[in-house]
Amino acid sequence: MTIITITEDAKQELEVSQEPRKEPHDHEGRMAKGEIRNTIKNSLVLYKLIGKDDELPGWVSSYISLANDYINSVTQFMTEDKISREEDSEEGMDDEEESEEQFDD
């Protein structure tokens, strides 16, 4: 049987995400983190409930596959978006350095 552990960083993140938010605007990030926290909790329960040789109804397997596909799609999007923003930021820094060099006469 595989034992699933949550790292201390993940535990702290889960605890922090439960604290009340101070900013009055844009709660989408907080809502998403709450949904992800619930997904993690439910996934851990399911992981423990399902045995390697269990026969599952087709709809259960389908729902698990869909949930996995959706999470993978969002993860891929967010990862690519972050990399893109970091590259844009680095390019902006390069542009600033080039601009400064032009005025060093």
N, C-alpha and C. Protein backbone atom coordinates (compact mmCIF):
# COMPACT_ATOMS: atom_id res chain seq x y z
N MET A 1 0.85 -1.19 0.00
CA MET A 1 0.00 0.00 0.00
C MET A 1 0.89 1.25 0.00
N THR A 2 0.56 2.20 -0.83
CA THR A 2 1.30 3.43 -0.92
C THR A 2 0.81 4.41 0.14
N ILE A 3 1.75 5.04 0.81
CA ILE A 3 1.39 6.04 1.81
C ILE A 3 1.60 7.41 1.19
N ILE A 4 0.59 8.25 1.29
CA ILE A 4 0.67 9.59 0.73
C ILE A 4 0.96 10.55 1.87
N THR A 5 1.98 11.35 1.68
CA THR A 5 2.30 12.37 2.68
C THR A 5 2.23 13.73 2.03
N ILE A 6 1.86 14.69 2.82
CA ILE A 6 1.83 16.07 2.35
C ILE A 6 3.02 16.77 2.99
N THR A 7 3.81 17.46 2.18
CA THR A 7 4.98 18.14 2.70
C THR A 7 4.56 19.25 3.65
N GLU A 8 5.50 19.68 4.48
CA GLU A 8 5.22 20.77 5.41
C GLU A 8 4.82 22.03 4.66
N ASP A 9 5.46 22.31 3.52
CA ASP A 9 5.10 23.49 2.72
C ASP A 9 3.66 23.41 2.27
N ALA A 10 3.24 22.23 1.80
CA ALA A 10 1.86 22.06 1.35
C ALA A 10 0.89 22.21 2.51
N LYS A 11 1.25 21.67 3.69
CA LYS A 11 0.39 21.82 4.86
C LYS A 11 0.23 23.29 5.23
N GLN A 12 1.34 24.02 5.23
CA GLN A 12 1.27 25.44 5.56
C GLN A 12 0.44 26.20 4.54
N GLU A 13 0.59 25.85 3.26
CA GLU A 13 -0.19 26.51 2.21
C GLU A 13 -1.68 26.23 2.40
N LEU A 14 -2.02 25.00 2.75
CA LEU A 14 -3.43 24.66 2.99
C LEU A 14 -3.97 25.45 4.17
N GLU A 15 -3.17 25.59 5.23
CA GLU A 15 -3.60 26.35 6.40
C GLU A 15 -3.74 27.84 6.08
N VAL A 16 -2.77 28.38 5.36
CA VAL A 16 -2.80 29.80 5.00
C VAL A 16 -3.99 30.10 4.11
N SER A 17 -4.31 29.17 3.20
CA SER A 17 -5.42 29.43 2.27
C SER A 17 -6.76 29.44 2.99
N GLN A 18 -6.80 28.95 4.24
CA GLN A 18 -8.04 28.95 4.99
C GLN A 18 -8.21 30.24 5.81
N GLU A 19 -7.14 31.03 5.91
CA GLU A 19 -7.22 32.27 6.66
C GLU A 19 -8.04 33.29 5.89
N PRO A 20 -8.75 34.18 6.61
CA PRO A 20 -9.55 35.19 5.91
C PRO A 20 -8.66 36.13 5.11
N ARG A 21 -9.13 36.49 3.95
CA ARG A 21 -8.39 37.39 3.07
C ARG A 21 -8.68 38.83 3.46
N LYS A 22 -7.66 39.67 3.40
CA LYS A 22 -7.81 41.07 3.82
C LYS A 22 -8.22 41.99 2.67
N GLU A 23 -7.83 41.66 1.43
CA GLU A 23 -8.20 42.52 0.32
C GLU A 23 -9.67 42.30 -0.03
N PRO A 24 -10.42 43.38 -0.27
CA PRO A 24 -11.84 43.24 -0.55
C PRO A 24 -12.17 42.88 -2.00
N HIS A 25 -11.17 42.80 -2.88
CA HIS A 25 -11.45 42.60 -4.30
C HIS A 25 -10.85 41.30 -4.83
N ASP A 26 -11.30 40.90 -5.99
CA ASP A 26 -10.79 39.76 -6.77
C ASP A 26 -10.52 38.53 -5.92
N HIS A 27 -11.54 37.74 -5.76
CA HIS A 27 -11.45 36.55 -4.92
C HIS A 27 -11.29 35.26 -5.73
N GLU A 28 -11.04 35.37 -7.02
CA GLU A 28 -10.96 34.18 -7.86
C GLU A 28 -9.81 33.28 -7.46
N GLY A 29 -8.66 33.86 -7.15
CA GLY A 29 -7.51 33.05 -6.73
C GLY A 29 -7.80 32.31 -5.44
N ARG A 30 -8.39 33.01 -4.50
CA ARG A 30 -8.72 32.37 -3.22
C ARG A 30 -9.74 31.25 -3.43
N MET A 31 -10.74 31.50 -4.25
CA MET A 31 -11.76 30.49 -4.52
C MET A 31 -11.12 29.27 -5.19
N ALA A 32 -10.25 29.50 -6.16
CA ALA A 32 -9.59 28.39 -6.86
C ALA A 32 -8.74 27.57 -5.89
N LYS A 33 -8.03 28.26 -5.00
CA LYS A 33 -7.20 27.53 -4.03
C LYS A 33 -8.07 26.70 -3.09
N GLY A 34 -9.24 27.22 -2.71
CA GLY A 34 -10.15 26.46 -1.87
C GLY A 34 -10.66 25.22 -2.59
N GLU A 35 -10.98 25.37 -3.87
CA GLU A 35 -11.45 24.24 -4.66
C GLU A 35 -10.34 23.20 -4.80
N ILE A 36 -9.12 23.66 -5.03
CA ILE A 36 -7.99 22.74 -5.16
C ILE A 36 -7.74 22.02 -3.83
N ARG A 37 -7.84 22.74 -2.72
CA ARG A 37 -7.68 22.12 -1.40
C ARG A 37 -8.71 21.01 -1.22
N ASN A 38 -9.97 21.27 -1.58
CA ASN A 38 -11.01 20.25 -1.47
C ASN A 38 -10.75 19.08 -2.40
N THR A 39 -10.24 19.36 -3.59
CA THR A 39 -9.90 18.31 -4.54
C THR A 39 -8.80 17.41 -3.97
N ILE A 40 -7.81 18.01 -3.36
CA ILE A 40 -6.73 17.24 -2.74
C ILE A 40 -7.27 16.34 -1.64
N LYS A 41 -8.09 16.92 -0.76
CA LYS A 41 -8.66 16.13 0.34
C LYS A 41 -9.50 14.97 -0.19
N ASN A 42 -10.39 15.25 -1.14
CA ASN A 42 -11.24 14.20 -1.70
C ASN A 42 -10.42 13.15 -2.45
N SER A 43 -9.38 13.59 -3.13
CA SER A 43 -8.53 12.66 -3.86
C SER A 43 -7.82 11.71 -2.91
N LEU A 44 -7.36 12.23 -1.79
CA LEU A 44 -6.70 11.38 -0.81
C LEU A 44 -7.66 10.34 -0.24
N VAL A 45 -8.89 10.75 0.03
CA VAL A 45 -9.89 9.81 0.53
C VAL A 45 -10.14 8.72 -0.51
N LEU A 46 -10.37 9.14 -1.75
CA LEU A 46 -10.62 8.17 -2.82
C LEU A 46 -9.44 7.23 -3.02
N TYR A 47 -8.24 7.78 -2.96
CA TYR A 47 -7.04 6.97 -3.16
C TYR A 47 -6.98 5.85 -2.13
N LYS A 48 -7.35 6.17 -0.90
CA LYS A 48 -7.34 5.18 0.17
C LYS A 48 -8.48 4.18 0.04
N LEU A 49 -9.61 4.61 -0.49
CA LEU A 49 -10.79 3.75 -0.63
C LEU A 49 -10.68 2.75 -1.78
N ILE A 50 -9.98 3.12 -2.83
CA ILE A 50 -9.92 2.30 -4.03
C ILE A 50 -8.73 1.35 -3.95
N GLY A 51 -9.03 0.07 -4.04
CA GLY A 51 -7.97 -0.94 -4.07
C GLY A 51 -7.47 -1.16 -5.49
N LYS A 52 -6.27 -1.69 -5.61
CA LYS A 52 -5.68 -1.92 -6.93
C LYS A 52 -6.53 -2.85 -7.79
N ASP A 53 -7.19 -3.82 -7.17
CA ASP A 53 -7.97 -4.79 -7.93
C ASP A 53 -9.47 -4.53 -7.89
N ASP A 54 -9.89 -3.37 -7.39
CA ASP A 54 -11.31 -3.05 -7.30
C ASP A 54 -11.92 -2.86 -8.69
N GLU A 55 -13.14 -3.35 -8.85
CA GLU A 55 -13.91 -3.10 -10.06
C GLU A 55 -14.75 -1.85 -9.78
N LEU A 56 -14.65 -0.88 -10.65
CA LEU A 56 -15.38 0.38 -10.47
C LEU A 56 -16.42 0.53 -11.57
N PRO A 57 -17.55 1.14 -11.26
CA PRO A 57 -18.52 1.44 -12.32
C PRO A 57 -17.88 2.34 -13.38
N GLY A 58 -18.33 2.19 -14.61
CA GLY A 58 -17.75 2.98 -15.70
C GLY A 58 -17.80 4.48 -15.45
N TRP A 59 -18.91 4.97 -14.88
CA TRP A 59 -19.03 6.41 -14.68
C TRP A 59 -18.00 6.90 -13.67
N VAL A 60 -17.64 6.06 -12.68
CA VAL A 60 -16.64 6.47 -11.68
C VAL A 60 -15.28 6.65 -12.35
N SER A 61 -14.89 5.65 -13.15
CA SER A 61 -13.62 5.75 -13.88
C SER A 61 -13.62 6.95 -14.81
N SER A 62 -14.75 7.18 -15.47
CA SER A 62 -14.86 8.31 -16.39
C SER A 62 -14.71 9.64 -15.67
N TYR A 63 -15.39 9.79 -14.53
CA TYR A 63 -15.31 11.04 -13.77
C TYR A 63 -13.89 11.29 -13.27
N ILE A 64 -13.23 10.24 -12.80
CA ILE A 64 -11.86 10.39 -12.33
C ILE A 64 -10.96 10.80 -13.48
N SER A 65 -11.14 10.19 -14.64
CA SER A 65 -10.34 10.55 -15.82
C SER A 65 -10.58 12.00 -16.24
N LEU A 66 -11.86 12.41 -16.22
CA LEU A 66 -12.18 13.79 -16.58
C LEU A 66 -11.56 14.78 -15.60
N ALA A 67 -11.68 14.49 -14.31
CA ALA A 67 -11.10 15.39 -13.30
C ALA A 67 -9.60 15.50 -13.50
N ASN A 68 -8.94 14.37 -13.74
CA ASN A 68 -7.51 14.37 -13.98
C ASN A 68 -7.15 15.18 -15.22
N ASP A 69 -7.91 14.99 -16.29
CA ASP A 69 -7.67 15.72 -17.53
C ASP A 69 -7.83 17.23 -17.33
N TYR A 70 -8.89 17.63 -16.63
CA TYR A 70 -9.11 19.06 -16.37
C TYR A 70 -7.98 19.66 -15.55
N ILE A 71 -7.59 18.98 -14.49
CA ILE A 71 -6.50 19.49 -13.64
C ILE A 71 -5.20 19.57 -14.43
N ASN A 72 -4.91 18.54 -15.24
CA ASN A 72 -3.71 18.58 -16.07
C ASN A 72 -3.74 19.75 -17.04
N SER A 73 -4.89 20.01 -17.65
CA SER A 73 -5.01 21.12 -18.60
C SER A 73 -4.75 22.47 -17.93
N VAL A 74 -5.32 22.67 -16.75
CA VAL A 74 -5.13 23.92 -16.03
C VAL A 74 -3.67 24.06 -15.59
N THR A 75 -3.09 22.96 -15.11
CA THR A 75 -1.69 23.00 -14.68
C THR A 75 -0.78 23.37 -15.84
N GLN A 76 -1.02 22.75 -17.00
CA GLN A 76 -0.21 23.06 -18.17
C GLN A 76 -0.37 24.53 -18.57
N PHE A 77 -1.60 25.02 -18.59
CA PHE A 77 -1.84 26.42 -18.95
C PHE A 77 -1.12 27.36 -17.98
N MET A 78 -1.31 27.11 -16.67
CA MET A 78 -0.72 28.01 -15.66
C MET A 78 0.80 27.96 -15.71
N THR A 79 1.36 26.79 -15.94
CA THR A 79 2.82 26.66 -16.02
C THR A 79 3.35 27.41 -17.24
N GLU A 80 2.71 27.22 -18.38
CA GLU A 80 3.16 27.92 -19.59
C GLU A 80 2.98 29.42 -19.46
N ASP A 81 1.88 29.85 -18.83
CA ASP A 81 1.63 31.26 -18.64
C ASP A 81 2.69 31.88 -17.74
N LYS A 82 3.06 31.18 -16.67
CA LYS A 82 4.08 31.69 -15.75
C LYS A 82 5.43 31.78 -16.46
N ILE A 83 5.78 30.76 -17.21
CA ILE A 83 7.05 30.79 -17.95
C ILE A 83 7.05 31.95 -18.94
N SER A 84 5.94 32.14 -19.62
CA SER A 84 5.82 33.24 -20.59
C SER A 84 5.98 34.59 -19.92
N ARG A 85 5.33 34.77 -18.76
CA ARG A 85 5.45 36.04 -18.03
C ARG A 85 6.87 36.26 -17.55
N GLU A 86 7.54 35.20 -17.10
CA GLU A 86 8.93 35.33 -16.65
C GLU A 86 9.84 35.70 -17.81
N GLU A 87 9.61 35.09 -18.98
CA GLU A 87 10.42 35.41 -20.16
C GLU A 87 10.18 36.86 -20.58
N ASP A 88 8.92 37.30 -20.54
CA ASP A 88 8.61 38.69 -20.88
C ASP A 88 9.31 39.64 -19.92
N SER A 89 9.32 39.28 -18.65
CA SER A 89 9.96 40.12 -17.63
C SER A 89 11.46 40.19 -17.88
N GLU A 90 12.07 39.06 -18.21
CA GLU A 90 13.51 39.04 -18.49
C GLU A 90 13.83 39.86 -19.73
N GLU A 91 12.97 39.77 -20.76
CA GLU A 91 13.18 40.56 -21.97
C GLU A 91 13.08 42.04 -21.67
N GLY A 92 12.15 42.40 -20.80
CA GLY A 92 12.01 43.79 -20.41
C GLY A 92 13.25 44.30 -19.71
N MET A 93 13.86 43.47 -18.90
CA MET A 93 15.09 43.85 -18.21
C MET A 93 16.22 44.01 -19.22
N ASP A 94 16.29 43.13 -20.23
CA ASP A 94 17.31 43.24 -21.26
C ASP A 94 17.13 44.54 -22.04
N ASP A 95 15.88 44.90 -22.35
CA ASP A 95 15.59 46.14 -23.07
C ASP A 95 16.04 47.35 -22.27
N GLU A 96 15.81 47.32 -20.94
CA GLU A 96 16.23 48.43 -20.10
C GLU A 96 17.75 48.57 -20.11
N GLU A 97 18.47 47.44 -20.04
CA GLU A 97 19.92 47.49 -20.06
C GLU A 97 20.42 48.06 -21.38
N GLU A 98 19.79 47.67 -22.51
CA GLU A 98 20.18 48.19 -23.81
C GLU A 98 19.91 49.69 -23.89
N SER A 99 18.79 50.13 -23.32
CA SER A 99 18.45 51.55 -23.34
C SER A 99 19.46 52.35 -22.54
N GLU A 100 19.88 51.83 -21.40
CA GLU A 100 20.87 52.52 -20.57
C GLU A 100 22.19 52.63 -21.30
N GLU A 101 22.56 51.58 -22.05
CA GLU A 101 23.82 51.59 -22.79
C GLU A 101 23.80 52.67 -23.86
N GLN A 102 22.64 52.93 -24.45
CA GLN A 102 22.55 53.93 -25.51
C GLN A 102 22.79 55.33 -24.94
N PHE A 103 22.51 55.57 -23.68
CA PHE A 103 22.63 56.90 -23.10
C PHE A 103 23.92 57.08 -22.31
N ASP A 104 24.87 56.16 -22.43
CA ASP A 104 26.09 56.25 -21.65
C ASP A 104 27.17 57.07 -22.35
N ASP A 105 26.86 57.84 -23.32
CA ASP A 105 27.86 58.61 -24.07
C ASP A 105 28.60 59.55 -23.20
